[in-house]
C-alpha cells in the first residue's frame, strides 16, 4: 500500500532534526524577544517582582534558542524527550502556529544544503 502524500511529507520532515530544530529556535526566539520587547519598553518603571517572572522565562527562551543551534544530534534528541514529557493545550497550539513558520524555514535550509553540496 502506498503512503499518502501527507505521510510522505511528515516522514520527510522527521528524516533529520532540522525541522524540530527550526521549531524550537522559532519558539525560543518568540519567547525571548517578546519578553525583551515588553520589558525594555517599560524599563525605568519595572517593579522588582516582575523580574521573578521575566528572568526565568527569558532564560527558558534563550535556552530554546541556543539548544538547537549548538547541541549535537544525540543530546538534542534527549532534550526533546525531556520536553515531551508534559504538554498543555496552549503549548500544543503555540507549536502548531510555530510549525507553519518552521516548514518553509526547513525547506529553505534543505535547499541551501543541497546548493552548497
PDB file of N, CA and C in Angstrom:
ATOM      1  N   UNK A   1       0.842  -1.176   0.000  1.00  0.00           N
ATOM      2  CA  UNK A   1       0.000   0.000   0.000  1.00  0.00           C
ATOM      3  C   UNK A   1       0.888   1.241   0.000  1.00  0.00           C
ATOM      4  N   UNK A   2       0.599   2.149  -0.872  1.00  0.00           N
ATOM      5  CA  UNK A   2       1.400   3.365  -0.991  1.00  0.00           C
ATOM      6  C   UNK A   2       1.045   4.345   0.133  1.00  0.00           C
ATOM      7  N   UNK A   3       2.058   5.025   0.611  1.00  0.00           N
ATOM      8  CA  UNK A   3       1.840   6.028   1.656  1.00  0.00           C
ATOM      9  C   UNK A   3       1.200   7.262   1.040  1.00  0.00           C
ATOM     10  N   UNK A   4       0.363   7.898   1.810  1.00  0.00           N
ATOM     11  CA  UNK A   4      -0.290   9.112   1.321  1.00  0.00           C
ATOM     12  C   UNK A   4       0.725  10.251   1.221  1.00  0.00           C
ATOM     13  N   UNK A   5       0.355  11.287   0.564  1.00  0.00           N
ATOM     14  CA  UNK A   5       1.235  12.438   0.392  1.00  0.00           C
ATOM     15  C   UNK A   5       1.576  13.075   1.734  1.00  0.00           C
ATOM     16  N   UNK A   6       0.599  13.145   2.612  1.00  0.00           N
ATOM     17  CA  UNK A   6       0.827  13.746   3.930  1.00  0.00           C
ATOM     18  C   UNK A   6       1.789  12.890   4.738  1.00  0.00           C
ATOM     19  N   UNK A   7       1.631  11.569   4.689  1.00  0.00           N
ATOM     20  CA  UNK A   7       2.537  10.691   5.425  1.00  0.00           C
ATOM     21  C   UNK A   7       3.958  10.798   4.885  1.00  0.00           C
ATOM     22  N   UNK A   8       4.111  10.878   3.574  1.00  0.00           N
ATOM     23  CA  UNK A   8       5.446  11.028   2.999  1.00  0.00           C
ATOM     24  C   UNK A   8       6.056  12.369   3.385  1.00  0.00           C
ATOM     25  N   UNK A   9       5.230  13.430   3.394  1.00  0.00           N
ATOM     26  CA  UNK A   9       5.716  14.747   3.770  1.00  0.00           C
ATOM     27  C   UNK A   9       6.146  14.764   5.232  1.00  0.00           C
ATOM     28  N   UNK A  10       5.353  14.154   6.119  1.00  0.00           N
ATOM     29  CA  UNK A  10       5.710  14.102   7.538  1.00  0.00           C
ATOM     30  C   UNK A  10       6.959  13.267   7.772  1.00  0.00           C
ATOM     31  N   UNK A  11       7.105  12.170   7.037  1.00  0.00           N
ATOM     32  CA  UNK A  11       8.321  11.370   7.191  1.00  0.00           C
ATOM     33  C   UNK A  11       9.533  12.132   6.679  1.00  0.00           C
ATOM     34  N   UNK A  12       9.348  12.946   5.630  1.00  0.00           N
ATOM     35  CA  UNK A  12      10.449  13.773   5.137  1.00  0.00           C
ATOM     36  C   UNK A  12      10.843  14.829   6.166  1.00  0.00           C
ATOM     37  N   UNK A  13       9.848  15.437   6.834  1.00  0.00           N
ATOM     38  CA  UNK A  13      10.138  16.437   7.859  1.00  0.00           C
ATOM     39  C   UNK A  13      10.886  15.828   9.029  1.00  0.00           C
ATOM     40  N   UNK A  14      10.554  14.589   9.379  1.00  0.00           N
ATOM     41  CA  UNK A  14      11.183  13.941  10.531  1.00  0.00           C
ATOM     42  C   UNK A  14      12.419  13.135  10.154  1.00  0.00           C
ATOM     43  N   UNK A  15      12.864  13.203   8.910  1.00  0.00           N
ATOM     44  CA  UNK A  15      14.029  12.436   8.488  1.00  0.00           C
ATOM     45  C   UNK A  15      15.287  12.897   9.223  1.00  0.00           C
ATOM     46  N   UNK A  16      15.430  14.174   9.452  1.00  0.00           N
ATOM     47  CA  UNK A  16      16.516  14.682  10.274  1.00  0.00           C
ATOM     48  C   UNK A  16      15.942  15.704  11.246  1.00  0.00           C
ATOM     49  N   UNK A  17      16.790  16.301  12.031  1.00  0.00           N
ATOM     50  CA  UNK A  17      16.292  17.166  13.102  1.00  0.00           C
ATOM     51  C   UNK A  17      16.197  18.632  12.702  1.00  0.00           C
ATOM     52  N   UNK A  18      16.343  18.947  11.427  1.00  0.00           N
ATOM     53  CA  UNK A  18      16.293  20.351  11.005  1.00  0.00           C
ATOM     54  C   UNK A  18      14.931  20.965  11.323  1.00  0.00           C
ATOM     55  N   UNK A  19      13.858  20.234  11.051  1.00  0.00           N
ATOM     56  CA  UNK A  19      12.519  20.766  11.301  1.00  0.00           C
ATOM     57  C   UNK A  19      12.301  21.011  12.792  1.00  0.00           C
ATOM     58  N   UNK A  20      12.677  20.040  13.621  1.00  0.00           N
ATOM     59  CA  UNK A  20      12.486  20.207  15.059  1.00  0.00           C
ATOM     60  C   UNK A  20      13.379  21.310  15.609  1.00  0.00           C
ATOM     61  N   UNK A  21      14.585  21.414  15.076  1.00  0.00           N
ATOM     62  CA  UNK A  21      15.473  22.496  15.498  1.00  0.00           C
ATOM     63  C   UNK A  21      14.898  23.849  15.091  1.00  0.00           C
ATOM     64  N   UNK A  22      14.323  23.922  13.898  1.00  0.00           N
ATOM     65  CA  UNK A  22      13.711  25.174  13.447  1.00  0.00           C
ATOM     66  C   UNK A  22      12.543  25.559  14.345  1.00  0.00           C
ATOM     67  N   UNK A  23      11.698  24.583  14.668  1.00  0.00           N
ATOM     68  CA  UNK A  23      10.555  24.848  15.556  1.00  0.00           C
ATOM     69  C   UNK A  23      11.017  25.351  16.912  1.00  0.00           C
ATOM     70  N   UNK A  24      12.020  24.683  17.471  1.00  0.00           N
ATOM     71  CA  UNK A  24      12.493  25.069  18.794  1.00  0.00           C
ATOM     72  C   UNK A  24      13.130  26.455  18.767  1.00  0.00           C
ATOM     73  N   UNK A  25      13.903  26.752  17.725  1.00  0.00           N
ATOM     74  CA  UNK A  25      14.533  28.068  17.633  1.00  0.00           C
ATOM     75  C   UNK A  25      13.496  29.174  17.491  1.00  0.00           C
ATOM     76  N   UNK A  26      12.489  28.952  16.661  1.00  0.00           N
ATOM     77  CA  UNK A  26      11.446  29.970  16.467  1.00  0.00           C
ATOM     78  C   UNK A  26      10.666  30.192  17.755  1.00  0.00           C
ATOM     79  N   UNK A  27      10.320  29.108  18.454  1.00  0.00           N
ATOM     80  CA  UNK A  27       9.588  29.248  19.713  1.00  0.00           C
ATOM     81  C   UNK A  27      10.419  29.990  20.751  1.00  0.00           C
ATOM     82  N   UNK A  28      11.688  29.617  20.867  1.00  0.00           N
ATOM     83  CA  UNK A  28      12.563  30.287  21.832  1.00  0.00           C
ATOM     84  C   UNK A  28      12.779  31.746  21.522  1.00  0.00           C
ATOM     85  N   UNK A  29      12.951  32.066  20.241  1.00  0.00           N
ATOM     86  CA  UNK A  29      13.161  33.466  19.892  1.00  0.00           C
ATOM     87  C   UNK A  29      11.898  34.289  20.111  1.00  0.00           C
ATOM     88  N   UNK A  30      10.727  33.697  19.881  1.00  0.00           N
ATOM     89  CA  UNK A  30       9.473  34.413  20.167  1.00  0.00           C
ATOM     90  C   UNK A  30       9.349  34.718  21.657  1.00  0.00           C
ATOM     91  N   UNK A  31       9.661  33.740  22.480  1.00  0.00           N
ATOM     92  CA  UNK A  31       9.574  33.941  23.932  1.00  0.00           C
ATOM     93  C   UNK A  31      10.597  34.981  24.381  1.00  0.00           C
ATOM     94  N   UNK A  32      11.860  34.789  23.979  1.00  0.00           N
ATOM     95  CA  UNK A  32      12.935  35.665  24.450  1.00  0.00           C
ATOM     96  C   UNK A  32      12.758  37.098  23.967  1.00  0.00           C
ATOM     97  N   UNK A  33      12.562  37.273  22.667  1.00  0.00           N
ATOM     98  CA  UNK A  33      12.461  38.637  22.141  1.00  0.00           C
ATOM     99  C   UNK A  33      11.134  39.291  22.495  1.00  0.00           C
ATOM    100  N   UNK A  34      10.081  38.494  22.683  1.00  0.00           N
ATOM    101  CA  UNK A  34       8.815  39.056  23.155  1.00  0.00           C
ATOM    102  C   UNK A  34       8.945  39.612  24.563  1.00  0.00           C
ATOM    103  N   UNK A  35       9.621  38.862  25.428  1.00  0.00           N
ATOM    104  CA  UNK A  35       9.851  39.361  26.784  1.00  0.00           C
ATOM    105  C   UNK A  35      10.784  40.561  26.783  1.00  0.00           C
ATOM    106  N   UNK A  36      11.837  40.497  25.972  1.00  0.00           N
ATOM    107  CA  UNK A  36      12.769  41.623  25.913  1.00  0.00           C
ATOM    108  C   UNK A  36      12.061  42.880  25.427  1.00  0.00           C
ATOM    109  N   UNK A  37      11.221  42.737  24.424  1.00  0.00           N
ATOM    110  CA  UNK A  37      10.488  43.894  23.908  1.00  0.00           C
ATOM    111  C   UNK A  37       9.548  44.466  24.968  1.00  0.00           C
ATOM    112  N   UNK A  38       8.850  43.584  25.672  1.00  0.00           N
ATOM    113  CA  UNK A  38       7.900  44.039  26.687  1.00  0.00           C
ATOM    114  C   UNK A  38       8.607  44.708  27.859  1.00  0.00           C
ATOM    115  N   UNK A  39       9.742  44.164  28.264  1.00  0.00           N
ATOM    116  CA  UNK A  39      10.440  44.714  29.432  1.00  0.00           C
ATOM    117  C   UNK A  39      11.183  45.993  29.072  1.00  0.00           C
ATOM    118  N   UNK A  40      11.848  46.005  27.922  1.00  0.00           N
ATOM    119  CA  UNK A  40      12.650  47.175  27.574  1.00  0.00           C
ATOM    120  C   UNK A  40      11.809  48.398  27.245  1.00  0.00           C
ATOM    121  N   UNK A  41      10.573  48.195  26.820  1.00  0.00           N
ATOM    122  CA  UNK A  41       9.696  49.348  26.573  1.00  0.00           C
ATOM    123  C   UNK A  41       9.399  50.098  27.858  1.00  0.00           C
ATOM    124  N   UNK A  42       9.258  49.372  28.939  1.00  0.00           N
ATOM    125  CA  UNK A  42       8.902  49.965  30.234  1.00  0.00           C
ATOM    126  C   UNK A  42      10.081  49.932  31.196  1.00  0.00           C
ATOM    127  N   UNK A  43      11.295  50.002  30.711  1.00  0.00           N
ATOM    128  CA  UNK A  43      12.484  49.750  31.509  1.00  0.00           C
ATOM    129  C   UNK A  43      12.574  50.538  32.813  1.00  0.00           C
ATOM    130  N   UNK A  44      12.466  51.841  32.842  1.00  0.00           N
ATOM    131  CA  UNK A  44      12.746  52.525  34.107  1.00  0.00           C
ATOM    132  C   UNK A  44      11.704  52.263  35.194  1.00  0.00           C
ATOM    133  N   UNK A  45      10.495  51.902  34.830  1.00  0.00           N
ATOM    134  CA  UNK A  45       9.453  51.776  35.852  1.00  0.00           C
ATOM    135  C   UNK A  45       9.110  50.329  36.170  1.00  0.00           C
ATOM    136  N   UNK A  46      10.013  49.398  35.870  1.00  0.00           N
ATOM    137  CA  UNK A  46       9.748  47.998  36.224  1.00  0.00           C
ATOM    138  C   UNK A  46       9.844  47.826  37.735  1.00  0.00           C
ATOM    139  N   UNK A  47       8.905  47.092  38.277  1.00  0.00           N
ATOM    140  CA  UNK A  47       8.963  46.801  39.701  1.00  0.00           C
ATOM    141  C   UNK A  47       9.761  45.518  39.900  1.00  0.00           C
ATOM    142  N   UNK A  48      10.263  45.315  41.086  1.00  0.00           N
ATOM    143  CA  UNK A  48      11.180  44.198  41.328  1.00  0.00           C
ATOM    144  C   UNK A  48      10.499  42.843  41.209  1.00  0.00           C
ATOM    145  N   UNK A  49       9.216  42.739  41.511  1.00  0.00           N
ATOM    146  CA  UNK A  49       8.547  41.440  41.431  1.00  0.00           C
ATOM    147  C   UNK A  49       8.424  40.946  39.998  1.00  0.00           C
ATOM    148  N   UNK A  50       8.465  41.847  39.035  1.00  0.00           N
ATOM    149  CA  UNK A  50       8.367  41.460  37.624  1.00  0.00           C
ATOM    150  C   UNK A  50       9.553  40.597  37.232  1.00  0.00           C
ATOM    151  N   UNK A  51      10.717  40.871  37.811  1.00  0.00           N
ATOM    152  CA  UNK A  51      11.922  40.138  37.433  1.00  0.00           C
ATOM    153  C   UNK A  51      11.854  38.670  37.833  1.00  0.00           C
ATOM    154  N   UNK A  52      11.040  38.312  38.829  1.00  0.00           N
ATOM    155  CA  UNK A  52      10.891  36.908  39.213  1.00  0.00           C
ATOM    156  C   UNK A  52      10.221  36.084  38.114  1.00  0.00           C
ATOM    157  N   UNK A  53       9.489  36.744  37.231  1.00  0.00           N
ATOM    158  CA  UNK A  53       8.858  36.065  36.106  1.00  0.00           C
ATOM    159  C   UNK A  53       9.664  36.233  34.817  1.00  0.00           C
ATOM    160  N   UNK A  54      10.220  37.419  34.643  1.00  0.00           N
ATOM    161  CA  UNK A  54      10.909  37.727  33.390  1.00  0.00           C
ATOM    162  C   UNK A  54      12.213  36.948  33.251  1.00  0.00           C
ATOM    163  N   UNK A  55      12.999  36.884  34.296  1.00  0.00           N
ATOM    164  CA  UNK A  55      14.313  36.231  34.197  1.00  0.00           C
ATOM    165  C   UNK A  55      14.184  34.736  33.912  1.00  0.00           C
ATOM    166  N   UNK A  56      13.362  33.959  34.632  1.00  0.00           N
ATOM    167  CA  UNK A  56      13.267  32.537  34.278  1.00  0.00           C
ATOM    168  C   UNK A  56      12.676  32.292  32.887  1.00  0.00           C
ATOM    169  N   UNK A  57      11.654  33.056  32.523  1.00  0.00           N
ATOM    170  CA  UNK A  57      11.082  32.877  31.189  1.00  0.00           C
ATOM    171  C   UNK A  57      12.052  33.298  30.097  1.00  0.00           C
ATOM    172  N   UNK A  58      12.801  34.358  30.338  1.00  0.00           N
ATOM    173  CA  UNK A  58      13.817  34.779  29.376  1.00  0.00           C
ATOM    174  C   UNK A  58      14.928  33.746  29.246  1.00  0.00           C
ATOM    175  N   UNK A  59      15.340  33.146  30.368  1.00  0.00           N
ATOM    176  CA  UNK A  59      16.362  32.096  30.322  1.00  0.00           C
ATOM    177  C   UNK A  59      15.836  30.870  29.585  1.00  0.00           C
ATOM    178  N   UNK A  60      14.569  30.545  29.788  1.00  0.00           N
ATOM    179  CA  UNK A  60      13.969  29.415  29.067  1.00  0.00           C
ATOM    180  C   UNK A  60      13.941  29.685  27.562  1.00  0.00           C
ATOM    181  N   UNK A  61      13.530  30.900  27.172  1.00  0.00           N
ATOM    182  CA  UNK A  61      13.507  31.258  25.754  1.00  0.00           C
ATOM    183  C   UNK A  61      14.897  31.247  25.146  1.00  0.00           C
ATOM    184  N   UNK A  62      15.878  31.752  25.889  1.00  0.00           N
ATOM    185  CA  UNK A  62      17.254  31.746  25.404  1.00  0.00           C
ATOM    186  C   UNK A  62      17.778  30.314  25.268  1.00  0.00           C
ATOM    187  N   UNK A  63      17.420  29.456  26.210  1.00  0.00           N
ATOM    188  CA  UNK A  63      17.823  28.048  26.109  1.00  0.00           C
ATOM    189  C   UNK A  63      17.185  27.390  24.888  1.00  0.00           C
ATOM    190  N   UNK A  64      15.914  27.691  24.641  1.00  0.00           N
ATOM    191  CA  UNK A  64      15.255  27.133  23.462  1.00  0.00           C
ATOM    192  C   UNK A  64      15.875  27.653  22.173  1.00  0.00           C
ATOM    193  N   UNK A  65      16.488  28.821  22.214  1.00  0.00           N
ATOM    194  CA  UNK A  65      17.169  29.348  21.027  1.00  0.00           C
ATOM    195  C   UNK A  65      18.542  28.723  20.848  1.00  0.00           C
ATOM    196  N   UNK A  66      19.275  28.512  21.931  1.00  0.00           N
ATOM    197  CA  UNK A  66      20.654  28.062  21.837  1.00  0.00           C
ATOM    198  C   UNK A  66      20.805  26.547  21.704  1.00  0.00           C
ATOM    199  N   UNK A  67      19.899  25.787  22.303  1.00  0.00           N
ATOM    200  CA  UNK A  67      19.992  24.325  22.220  1.00  0.00           C
ATOM    201  C   UNK A  67      19.966  23.833  20.777  1.00  0.00           C
ATOM    202  N   UNK A  68      19.022  24.278  19.938  1.00  0.00           N
ATOM    203  CA  UNK A  68      19.041  23.758  18.570  1.00  0.00           C
ATOM    204  C   UNK A  68      20.244  24.228  17.751  1.00  0.00           C
ATOM    205  N   UNK A  69      20.845  25.338  18.130  1.00  0.00           N
ATOM    206  CA  UNK A  69      21.992  25.827  17.374  1.00  0.00           C
ATOM    207  C   UNK A  69      23.275  25.071  17.700  1.00  0.00           C
ATOM    208  N   UNK A  70      23.462  24.694  18.952  1.00  0.00           N
ATOM    209  CA  UNK A  70      24.756  24.167  19.368  1.00  0.00           C
ATOM    210  C   UNK A  70      24.759  22.721  19.845  1.00  0.00           C
ATOM    211  N   UNK A  71      23.608  22.129  20.115  1.00  0.00           N
ATOM    212  CA  UNK A  71      23.577  20.766  20.649  1.00  0.00           C
ATOM    213  C   UNK A  71      23.791  19.737  19.534  1.00  0.00           C
ATOM    214  N   UNK A  72      24.613  18.725  19.789  1.00  0.00           N
ATOM    215  CA  UNK A  72      24.730  17.635  18.815  1.00  0.00           C
ATOM    216  C   UNK A  72      23.426  16.839  18.740  1.00  0.00           C
ATOM    217  N   UNK A  73      23.280  16.034  17.705  1.00  0.00           N
ATOM    218  CA  UNK A  73      22.009  15.334  17.469  1.00  0.00           C
ATOM    219  C   UNK A  73      21.582  14.453  18.639  1.00  0.00           C
ATOM    220  N   UNK A  74      22.504  13.714  19.239  1.00  0.00           N
ATOM    221  CA  UNK A  74      22.140  12.817  20.355  1.00  0.00           C
ATOM    222  C   UNK A  74      21.587  13.606  21.538  1.00  0.00           C
ATOM    223  N   UNK A  75      22.290  14.674  21.911  1.00  0.00           N
ATOM    224  CA  UNK A  75      21.819  15.478  23.044  1.00  0.00           C
ATOM    225  C   UNK A  75      20.530  16.210  22.697  1.00  0.00           C
ATOM    226  N   UNK A  76      20.405  16.659  21.453  1.00  0.00           N
ATOM    227  CA  UNK A  76      19.191  17.345  21.041  1.00  0.00           C
ATOM    228  C   UNK A  76      17.992  16.418  21.160  1.00  0.00           C
ATOM    229  N   UNK A  77      18.124  15.171  20.752  1.00  0.00           N
ATOM    230  CA  UNK A  77      17.027  14.207  20.890  1.00  0.00           C
ATOM    231  C   UNK A  77      16.705  13.954  22.354  1.00  0.00           C
ATOM    232  N   UNK A  78      17.729  13.956  23.212  1.00  0.00           N
ATOM    233  CA  UNK A  78      17.492  13.786  24.640  1.00  0.00           C
ATOM    234  C   UNK A  78      16.724  14.978  25.212  1.00  0.00           C
ATOM    235  N   UNK A  79      17.068  16.196  24.776  1.00  0.00           N
ATOM    236  CA  UNK A  79      16.338  17.383  25.217  1.00  0.00           C
ATOM    237  C   UNK A  79      14.886  17.332  24.751  1.00  0.00           C
ATOM    238  N   UNK A  80      14.677  16.857  23.531  1.00  0.00           N
ATOM    239  CA  UNK A  80      13.309  16.739  23.026  1.00  0.00           C
ATOM    240  C   UNK A  80      12.505  15.745  23.852  1.00  0.00           C
ATOM    241  N   UNK A  81      13.118  14.621  24.219  1.00  0.00           N
ATOM    242  CA  UNK A  81      12.427  13.645  25.057  1.00  0.00           C
ATOM    243  C   UNK A  81      12.099  14.231  26.420  1.00  0.00           C
ATOM    244  N   UNK A  82      13.013  15.030  26.957  1.00  0.00           N
ATOM    245  CA  UNK A  82      12.768  15.673  28.248  1.00  0.00           C
ATOM    246  C   UNK A  82      11.585  16.620  28.182  1.00  0.00           C
ATOM    247  N   UNK A  83      11.495  17.403  27.103  1.00  0.00           N
ATOM    248  CA  UNK A  83      10.410  18.376  26.981  1.00  0.00           C
ATOM    249  C   UNK A  83       9.097  17.725  26.560  1.00  0.00           C
ATOM    250  N   UNK A  84       9.146  16.525  25.999  1.00  0.00           N
ATOM    251  CA  UNK A  84       7.927  15.875  25.530  1.00  0.00           C
ATOM    252  C   UNK A  84       7.166  15.197  26.659  1.00  0.00           C
ATOM    253  N   UNK A  85       7.721  15.177  27.859  1.00  0.00           N
ATOM    254  CA  UNK A  85       7.049  14.503  28.967  1.00  0.00           C
ATOM    255  C   UNK A  85       5.752  15.183  29.370  1.00  0.00           C
ATOM    256  N   UNK A  86       5.651  16.487  29.190  1.00  0.00           N
ATOM    257  CA  UNK A  86       4.421  17.188  29.561  1.00  0.00           C
ATOM    258  C   UNK A  86       4.002  18.148  28.468  1.00  0.00           C
ATOM    259  N   UNK A  87       2.720  18.359  28.331  1.00  0.00           N
ATOM    260  CA  UNK A  87       2.261  19.309  27.324  1.00  0.00           C
ATOM    261  C   UNK A  87       0.839  19.741  27.611  1.00  0.00           C
ATOM    262  N   UNK A  88       0.571  20.986  27.409  1.00  0.00           N
ATOM    263  CA  UNK A  88      -0.766  21.538  27.608  1.00  0.00           C
ATOM    264  C   UNK A  88      -1.329  21.978  26.272  1.00  0.00           C
ATOM    265  N   UNK A  89      -2.594  22.227  26.241  1.00  0.00           N
ATOM    266  CA  UNK A  89      -3.255  22.671  25.012  1.00  0.00           C
ATOM    267  C   UNK A  89      -2.656  23.982  24.490  1.00  0.00           C
ATOM    268  N   UNK A  90      -2.411  25.013  25.335  1.00  0.00           N
ATOM    269  CA  UNK A  90      -1.809  26.237  24.784  1.00  0.00           C
ATOM    270  C   UNK A  90      -0.438  25.999  24.168  1.00  0.00           C
ATOM    271  N   UNK A  91       0.358  25.129  24.786  1.00  0.00           N
ATOM    272  CA  UNK A  91       1.679  24.828  24.247  1.00  0.00           C
ATOM    273  C   UNK A  91       1.548  24.119  22.908  1.00  0.00           C
ATOM    274  N   UNK A  92       0.613  23.194  22.808  1.00  0.00           N
ATOM    275  CA  UNK A  92       0.396  22.479  21.550  1.00  0.00           C
ATOM    276  C   UNK A  92      -0.062  23.445  20.465  1.00  0.00           C
ATOM    277  N   UNK A  93      -0.976  24.342  20.803  1.00  0.00           N
ATOM    278  CA  UNK A  93      -1.429  25.333  19.824  1.00  0.00           C
ATOM    279  C   UNK A  93      -0.297  26.266  19.403  1.00  0.00           C
ATOM    280  N   UNK A  94       0.537  26.662  20.368  1.00  0.00           N
ATOM    281  CA  UNK A  94       1.670  27.525  20.049  1.00  0.00           C
ATOM    282  C   UNK A  94       2.621  26.825  19.078  1.00  0.00           C
ATOM    283  N   UNK A  95       2.899  25.548  19.304  1.00  0.00           N
ATOM    284  CA  UNK A  95       3.807  24.827  18.416  1.00  0.00           C
ATOM    285  C   UNK A  95       3.176  24.557  17.060  1.00  0.00           C
ATOM    286  N   UNK A  96       1.857  24.462  16.986  1.00  0.00           N
ATOM    287  CA  UNK A  96       1.215  24.327  15.671  1.00  0.00           C
ATOM    288  C   UNK A  96       1.408  25.605  14.870  1.00  0.00           C
ATOM    289  N   UNK A  97       1.259  26.753  15.532  1.00  0.00           N
ATOM    290  CA  UNK A  97       1.495  28.025  14.848  1.00  0.00           C
ATOM    291  C   UNK A  97       2.963  28.135  14.437  1.00  0.00           C
ATOM    292  N   UNK A  98       3.863  27.742  15.330  1.00  0.00           N
ATOM    293  CA  UNK A  98       5.294  27.779  15.019  1.00  0.00           C
ATOM    294  C   UNK A  98       5.609  26.847  13.855  1.00  0.00           C
ATOM    295  N   UNK A  99       4.917  25.714  13.791  1.00  0.00           N
ATOM    296  CA  UNK A  99       5.169  24.744  12.741  1.00  0.00           C
ATOM    297  C   UNK A  99       4.919  25.352  11.359  1.00  0.00           C
ATOM    298  N   UNK A 100       3.906  26.202  11.246  1.00  0.00           N
ATOM    299  CA  UNK A 100       3.618  26.814   9.957  1.00  0.00           C
ATOM    300  C   UNK A 100       4.716  27.784   9.521  1.00  0.00           C
ATOM    301  N   UNK A 101       5.484  28.281  10.472  1.00  0.00           N
ATOM    302  CA  UNK A 101       6.635  29.107  10.129  1.00  0.00           C
ATOM    303  C   UNK A 101       7.863  28.235   9.891  1.00  0.00           C
ATOM    304  N   UNK A 102       7.959  27.132  10.628  1.00  0.00           N
ATOM    305  CA  UNK A 102       9.149  26.286  10.548  1.00  0.00           C
ATOM    306  C   UNK A 102       9.198  25.453   9.271  1.00  0.00           C
ATOM    307  N   UNK A 103       8.069  25.114   8.684  1.00  0.00           N
ATOM    308  CA  UNK A 103       8.086  24.312   7.456  1.00  0.00           C
ATOM    309  C   UNK A 103       8.793  25.050   6.325  1.00  0.00           C
ATOM    310  N   UNK A 104       8.450  26.301   6.029  1.00  0.00           N
ATOM    311  CA  UNK A 104       9.209  26.990   4.974  1.00  0.00           C
ATOM    312  C   UNK A 104      10.682  27.182   5.326  1.00  0.00           C
ATOM    313  N   UNK A 105      10.980  27.404   6.611  1.00  0.00           N
ATOM    314  CA  UNK A 105      12.369  27.541   7.031  1.00  0.00           C
ATOM    315  C   UNK A 105      13.128  26.237   6.816  1.00  0.00           C
ATOM    316  N   UNK A 106      12.488  25.112   7.119  1.00  0.00           N
ATOM    317  CA  UNK A 106      13.109  23.800   6.904  1.00  0.00           C
ATOM    318  C   UNK A 106      13.375  23.566   5.431  1.00  0.00           C
ATOM    319  N   UNK A 107      12.413  23.881   4.593  1.00  0.00           N
ATOM    320  CA  UNK A 107      12.594  23.711   3.146  1.00  0.00           C
ATOM    321  C   UNK A 107      13.741  24.595   2.653  1.00  0.00           C
ATOM    322  N   UNK A 108      13.811  25.820   3.144  1.00  0.00           N
ATOM    323  CA  UNK A 108      14.882  26.730   2.728  1.00  0.00           C
ATOM    324  C   UNK A 108      16.254  26.212   3.168  1.00  0.00           C
ATOM    325  N   UNK A 109      16.348  25.688   4.387  1.00  0.00           N
ATOM    326  CA  UNK A 109      17.620  25.149   4.870  1.00  0.00           C
ATOM    327  C   UNK A 109      18.034  23.940   4.063  1.00  0.00           C
ATOM    328  N   UNK A 110      17.086  23.048   3.766  1.00  0.00           N
ATOM    329  CA  UNK A 110      17.413  21.861   2.968  1.00  0.00           C
ATOM    330  C   UNK A 110      17.833  22.254   1.546  1.00  0.00           C
ATOM    331  N   UNK A 111      17.175  23.248   0.972  1.00  0.00           N
ATOM    332  CA  UNK A 111      17.563  23.706  -0.363  1.00  0.00           C
ATOM    333  C   UNK A 111      18.954  24.352  -0.328  1.00  0.00           C
ATOM    334  N   UNK A 112      19.251  25.091   0.741  1.00  0.00           N
ATOM    335  CA  UNK A 112      20.572  25.706   0.866  1.00  0.00           C
ATOM    336  C   UNK A 112      21.652  24.643   1.049  1.00  0.00           C
ATOM    337  N   UNK A 113      21.335  23.596   1.799  1.00  0.00           N
ATOM    338  CA  UNK A 113      22.288  22.492   1.967  1.00  0.00           C
ATOM    339  C   UNK A 113      22.584  21.818   0.629  1.00  0.00           C
ATOM    340  N   UNK A 114      21.547  21.593  -0.175  1.00  0.00           N
ATOM    341  CA  UNK A 114      21.741  20.970  -1.474  1.00  0.00           C
ATOM    342  C   UNK A 114      22.558  21.867  -2.407  1.00  0.00           C
ATOM    343  N   UNK A 115      22.329  23.170  -2.306  1.00  0.00           N
ATOM    344  CA  UNK A 115      23.061  24.104  -3.168  1.00  0.00           C
ATOM    345  C   UNK A 115      24.538  24.169  -2.803  1.00  0.00           C
ATOM    346  N   UNK A 116      24.845  23.982  -1.521  1.00  0.00           N
ATOM    347  CA  UNK A 116      26.242  24.031  -1.074  1.00  0.00           C
ATOM    348  C   UNK A 116      26.994  22.762  -1.484  1.00  0.00           C
ATOM    349  N   UNK A 117      26.299  21.631  -1.492  1.00  0.00           N
ATOM    350  CA  UNK A 117      26.959  20.346  -1.817  1.00  0.00           C
ATOM    351  C   UNK A 117      27.395  20.267  -3.213  1.00  0.00           C
TER     352      UNK A 117
END
